[in-house]
Amino acid sequence: MAHKKATGAVKNVHDSNAQYRGIKVFGGQSIHAGGIIVRQAGAKYKLGANVYEGNDFTIHAAIDGVVTFSKKKVERFDGRKYLRTHVSVTPNA
């Protein structure tokens, strides 16, 4: 005869899959057209020249070239300024 009553199964032990976000190709590295440069949640990095944005804010290269990251000063609605990082691709020479 058992000395302890049987308990139910454990709930809420599931784990979601990893998102694998971040910068995939860094500044100065070459990339082919359509290649993923940045996977991000929300628009942390803004679009520059020769790049386009996917449905989930993923930044892709529009042409073959070299990836460049640049910071630009942007003014908020209340007049404050802050730095915003722009991602662009320069064509191969």
N, C-alpha and C. Protein backbone atom coordinates (compact mmCIF):
# COMPACT_ATOMS: atom_id res chain seq x y z
N MET A 1 0.84 -1.18 0.00
CA MET A 1 0.00 0.00 0.00
C MET A 1 0.89 1.24 0.00
N ALA A 2 0.52 2.21 -0.82
CA ALA A 2 1.35 3.41 -0.96
C ALA A 2 1.22 4.30 0.28
N HIS A 3 2.33 4.93 0.64
CA HIS A 3 2.32 5.84 1.78
C HIS A 3 2.05 7.28 1.36
N LYS A 4 2.15 7.56 0.06
CA LYS A 4 1.88 8.91 -0.45
C LYS A 4 0.89 8.83 -1.57
N LYS A 5 0.00 9.82 -1.61
CA LYS A 5 -0.99 9.85 -2.68
C LYS A 5 -0.31 10.32 -3.97
N ALA A 6 -0.66 9.74 -5.08
CA ALA A 6 -0.08 10.12 -6.37
C ALA A 6 -0.51 11.54 -6.74
N THR A 7 0.43 12.32 -7.28
CA THR A 7 0.12 13.69 -7.69
C THR A 7 0.02 13.78 -9.20
N GLY A 8 -0.52 14.90 -9.67
CA GLY A 8 -0.70 15.09 -11.11
C GLY A 8 0.59 15.42 -11.83
N ALA A 9 0.51 15.43 -13.13
CA ALA A 9 1.69 15.76 -13.96
C ALA A 9 2.00 17.26 -13.85
N VAL A 10 3.25 17.61 -14.07
CA VAL A 10 3.69 19.01 -14.00
C VAL A 10 3.22 19.76 -15.24
N LYS A 11 2.74 20.99 -15.03
CA LYS A 11 2.30 21.82 -16.15
C LYS A 11 3.26 22.98 -16.33
N ASN A 12 3.14 23.67 -17.43
CA ASN A 12 3.93 24.87 -17.73
C ASN A 12 5.43 24.61 -17.75
N VAL A 13 5.85 23.52 -18.34
CA VAL A 13 7.27 23.22 -18.43
C VAL A 13 7.77 23.33 -19.87
N HIS A 14 6.99 23.96 -20.73
CA HIS A 14 7.37 24.10 -22.13
C HIS A 14 8.35 25.25 -22.30
N ASP A 15 9.13 25.19 -23.37
CA ASP A 15 10.07 26.25 -23.69
C ASP A 15 9.94 26.55 -25.17
N SER A 16 10.00 27.83 -25.52
CA SER A 16 9.87 28.21 -26.92
C SER A 16 11.22 28.10 -27.63
N ASN A 17 11.16 28.02 -28.94
CA ASN A 17 12.38 27.92 -29.74
C ASN A 17 13.13 29.25 -29.73
N ALA A 18 14.44 29.18 -29.91
CA ALA A 18 15.27 30.38 -29.94
C ALA A 18 14.93 31.22 -31.17
N GLN A 19 15.06 32.54 -31.06
CA GLN A 19 14.72 33.45 -32.16
C GLN A 19 15.90 33.72 -33.09
N TYR A 20 17.12 33.57 -32.59
CA TYR A 20 18.34 33.80 -33.39
C TYR A 20 18.37 35.19 -33.99
N ARG A 21 18.12 36.19 -33.17
CA ARG A 21 18.15 37.57 -33.64
C ARG A 21 19.55 38.15 -33.50
N GLY A 22 19.78 39.28 -34.18
CA GLY A 22 21.05 39.96 -34.07
C GLY A 22 21.63 40.29 -35.42
N ILE A 23 22.85 40.81 -35.41
CA ILE A 23 23.54 41.18 -36.65
C ILE A 23 24.17 39.92 -37.23
N LYS A 24 23.86 39.62 -38.48
CA LYS A 24 24.38 38.43 -39.14
C LYS A 24 25.60 38.74 -39.99
N VAL A 25 25.64 39.95 -40.58
CA VAL A 25 26.79 40.37 -41.39
C VAL A 25 27.24 41.72 -40.85
N PHE A 26 28.49 41.84 -40.46
CA PHE A 26 28.99 43.05 -39.82
C PHE A 26 29.55 44.02 -40.85
N GLY A 27 29.82 45.25 -40.41
CA GLY A 27 30.33 46.28 -41.29
C GLY A 27 31.65 45.88 -41.92
N GLY A 28 31.80 46.15 -43.22
CA GLY A 28 33.01 45.80 -43.94
C GLY A 28 32.97 44.44 -44.58
N GLN A 29 31.99 43.61 -44.24
CA GLN A 29 31.88 42.29 -44.83
C GLN A 29 31.05 42.36 -46.10
N SER A 30 31.34 41.48 -47.05
CA SER A 30 30.60 41.46 -48.31
C SER A 30 29.33 40.63 -48.16
N ILE A 31 28.34 40.94 -48.99
CA ILE A 31 27.06 40.24 -48.93
C ILE A 31 26.46 40.18 -50.33
N HIS A 32 25.69 39.13 -50.58
CA HIS A 32 25.00 38.96 -51.85
C HIS A 32 23.59 39.54 -51.74
N ALA A 33 22.99 39.85 -52.87
CA ALA A 33 21.64 40.40 -52.89
C ALA A 33 20.67 39.41 -52.26
N GLY A 34 19.80 39.90 -51.38
CA GLY A 34 18.82 39.06 -50.70
C GLY A 34 19.32 38.48 -49.39
N GLY A 35 20.60 38.64 -49.09
CA GLY A 35 21.16 38.09 -47.87
C GLY A 35 20.69 38.86 -46.64
N ILE A 36 20.58 38.15 -45.52
CA ILE A 36 20.11 38.77 -44.27
C ILE A 36 21.27 39.50 -43.61
N ILE A 37 21.05 40.76 -43.27
CA ILE A 37 22.06 41.55 -42.57
C ILE A 37 21.75 41.58 -41.07
N VAL A 38 20.50 41.90 -40.71
CA VAL A 38 20.10 42.01 -39.31
C VAL A 38 18.74 41.34 -39.13
N ARG A 39 18.62 40.50 -38.08
CA ARG A 39 17.32 40.00 -37.65
C ARG A 39 17.00 40.72 -36.36
N GLN A 40 15.83 41.39 -36.30
CA GLN A 40 15.52 42.23 -35.15
C GLN A 40 14.03 42.17 -34.83
N ALA A 41 13.71 42.48 -33.58
CA ALA A 41 12.33 42.62 -33.14
C ALA A 41 12.06 44.11 -33.00
N GLY A 42 11.28 44.67 -33.90
CA GLY A 42 11.10 46.11 -33.93
C GLY A 42 12.21 46.73 -34.75
N ALA A 43 12.06 48.01 -35.05
CA ALA A 43 13.01 48.68 -35.95
C ALA A 43 14.14 49.32 -35.16
N LYS A 44 15.01 48.51 -34.55
CA LYS A 44 16.16 49.05 -33.83
C LYS A 44 17.15 49.67 -34.81
N TYR A 45 17.42 48.98 -35.90
CA TYR A 45 18.30 49.49 -36.95
C TYR A 45 17.42 49.99 -38.10
N LYS A 46 17.75 51.17 -38.62
CA LYS A 46 16.96 51.78 -39.69
C LYS A 46 17.56 51.45 -41.05
N LEU A 47 16.75 51.60 -42.09
CA LEU A 47 17.17 51.28 -43.45
C LEU A 47 17.99 52.40 -44.05
N GLY A 48 19.07 52.03 -44.71
CA GLY A 48 19.88 52.97 -45.47
C GLY A 48 19.73 52.68 -46.95
N ALA A 49 20.79 52.94 -47.71
CA ALA A 49 20.75 52.73 -49.15
C ALA A 49 20.94 51.25 -49.49
N ASN A 50 20.23 50.80 -50.51
CA ASN A 50 20.38 49.46 -51.09
C ASN A 50 20.04 48.33 -50.13
N VAL A 51 19.10 48.56 -49.22
CA VAL A 51 18.59 47.51 -48.35
C VAL A 51 17.07 47.59 -48.33
N TYR A 52 16.43 46.48 -47.94
CA TYR A 52 14.98 46.48 -47.78
C TYR A 52 14.61 45.68 -46.55
N GLU A 53 13.37 45.88 -46.08
CA GLU A 53 12.92 45.30 -44.82
C GLU A 53 11.89 44.22 -45.07
N GLY A 54 12.03 43.10 -44.37
CA GLY A 54 11.07 42.01 -44.46
C GLY A 54 9.89 42.25 -43.53
N ASN A 55 8.97 41.29 -43.50
CA ASN A 55 7.75 41.42 -42.69
C ASN A 55 8.04 41.50 -41.20
N ASP A 56 9.11 40.86 -40.74
CA ASP A 56 9.44 40.82 -39.32
C ASP A 56 10.60 41.75 -38.98
N PHE A 57 10.75 42.85 -39.71
CA PHE A 57 11.78 43.87 -39.51
C PHE A 57 13.19 43.37 -39.86
N THR A 58 13.28 42.23 -40.53
CA THR A 58 14.59 41.74 -40.97
C THR A 58 15.11 42.61 -42.10
N ILE A 59 16.38 43.00 -42.01
CA ILE A 59 16.98 43.85 -43.04
C ILE A 59 17.78 42.98 -44.00
N HIS A 60 17.46 43.07 -45.30
CA HIS A 60 18.10 42.30 -46.36
C HIS A 60 18.88 43.23 -47.28
N ALA A 61 19.89 42.68 -47.94
CA ALA A 61 20.64 43.44 -48.94
C ALA A 61 19.88 43.41 -50.26
N ALA A 62 19.76 44.56 -50.91
CA ALA A 62 19.08 44.64 -52.20
C ALA A 62 20.04 44.38 -53.36
N ILE A 63 21.35 44.60 -53.14
CA ILE A 63 22.36 44.40 -54.18
C ILE A 63 23.56 43.69 -53.58
N ASP A 64 24.45 43.20 -54.45
CA ASP A 64 25.73 42.68 -53.98
C ASP A 64 26.61 43.85 -53.57
N GLY A 65 27.33 43.71 -52.47
CA GLY A 65 28.19 44.80 -52.04
C GLY A 65 28.76 44.58 -50.66
N VAL A 66 29.14 45.68 -50.01
CA VAL A 66 29.76 45.65 -48.68
C VAL A 66 28.83 46.35 -47.70
N VAL A 67 28.62 45.75 -46.54
CA VAL A 67 27.72 46.29 -45.52
C VAL A 67 28.40 47.43 -44.77
N THR A 68 27.67 48.52 -44.55
CA THR A 68 28.17 49.63 -43.75
C THR A 68 27.12 50.02 -42.72
N PHE A 69 27.59 50.32 -41.50
CA PHE A 69 26.74 50.81 -40.43
C PHE A 69 27.15 52.25 -40.15
N SER A 70 26.17 53.14 -40.03
CA SER A 70 26.47 54.54 -39.74
C SER A 70 25.48 55.06 -38.72
N LYS A 71 25.93 56.00 -37.89
CA LYS A 71 25.05 56.61 -36.89
C LYS A 71 24.71 58.02 -37.34
N LYS A 72 23.43 58.37 -37.26
CA LYS A 72 22.97 59.70 -37.64
C LYS A 72 22.18 60.30 -36.49
N LYS A 73 22.30 61.63 -36.32
CA LYS A 73 21.52 62.31 -35.29
C LYS A 73 20.11 62.52 -35.81
N VAL A 74 19.14 62.15 -34.99
CA VAL A 74 17.73 62.29 -35.35
C VAL A 74 17.06 63.11 -34.25
N GLU A 75 16.15 63.97 -34.63
CA GLU A 75 15.46 64.82 -33.65
C GLU A 75 14.11 64.22 -33.30
N ARG A 76 13.83 64.14 -32.01
CA ARG A 76 12.54 63.65 -31.55
C ARG A 76 11.49 64.74 -31.68
N PHE A 77 10.25 64.40 -31.41
CA PHE A 77 9.16 65.37 -31.52
C PHE A 77 9.28 66.51 -30.52
N ASP A 78 9.98 66.27 -29.40
CA ASP A 78 10.13 67.31 -28.39
C ASP A 78 11.44 68.09 -28.54
N GLY A 79 12.17 67.86 -29.61
CA GLY A 79 13.38 68.61 -29.89
C GLY A 79 14.67 67.95 -29.44
N ARG A 80 14.58 66.89 -28.63
CA ARG A 80 15.79 66.19 -28.20
C ARG A 80 16.40 65.43 -29.37
N LYS A 81 17.72 65.31 -29.34
CA LYS A 81 18.42 64.60 -30.40
C LYS A 81 19.00 63.30 -29.85
N TYR A 82 19.02 62.27 -30.69
CA TYR A 82 19.61 61.00 -30.31
C TYR A 82 20.21 60.35 -31.54
N LEU A 83 21.09 59.38 -31.32
CA LEU A 83 21.75 58.69 -32.42
C LEU A 83 20.93 57.50 -32.87
N ARG A 84 20.81 57.32 -34.16
CA ARG A 84 20.09 56.20 -34.74
C ARG A 84 21.03 55.49 -35.72
N THR A 85 21.11 54.17 -35.64
CA THR A 85 22.01 53.41 -36.50
C THR A 85 21.30 53.04 -37.80
N HIS A 86 21.93 53.35 -38.92
CA HIS A 86 21.41 53.04 -40.25
C HIS A 86 22.29 51.96 -40.88
N VAL A 87 21.65 51.02 -41.56
CA VAL A 87 22.35 49.94 -42.24
C VAL A 87 22.22 50.16 -43.73
N SER A 88 23.33 50.09 -44.45
CA SER A 88 23.29 50.26 -45.90
C SER A 88 24.30 49.32 -46.55
N VAL A 89 24.16 49.17 -47.87
CA VAL A 89 25.08 48.35 -48.65
C VAL A 89 25.65 49.22 -49.76
N THR A 90 26.99 49.27 -49.84
CA THR A 90 27.63 50.01 -50.92
C THR A 90 28.05 49.00 -51.99
N PRO A 91 27.83 49.32 -53.27
CA PRO A 91 28.17 48.36 -54.32
C PRO A 91 29.67 48.12 -54.41
N ASN A 92 30.03 46.93 -54.86
CA ASN A 92 31.45 46.61 -55.05
C ASN A 92 32.02 47.45 -56.19
N ALA A 93 33.24 47.96 -56.00
CA ALA A 93 33.85 48.81 -57.03
C ALA A 93 34.47 48.00 -58.14
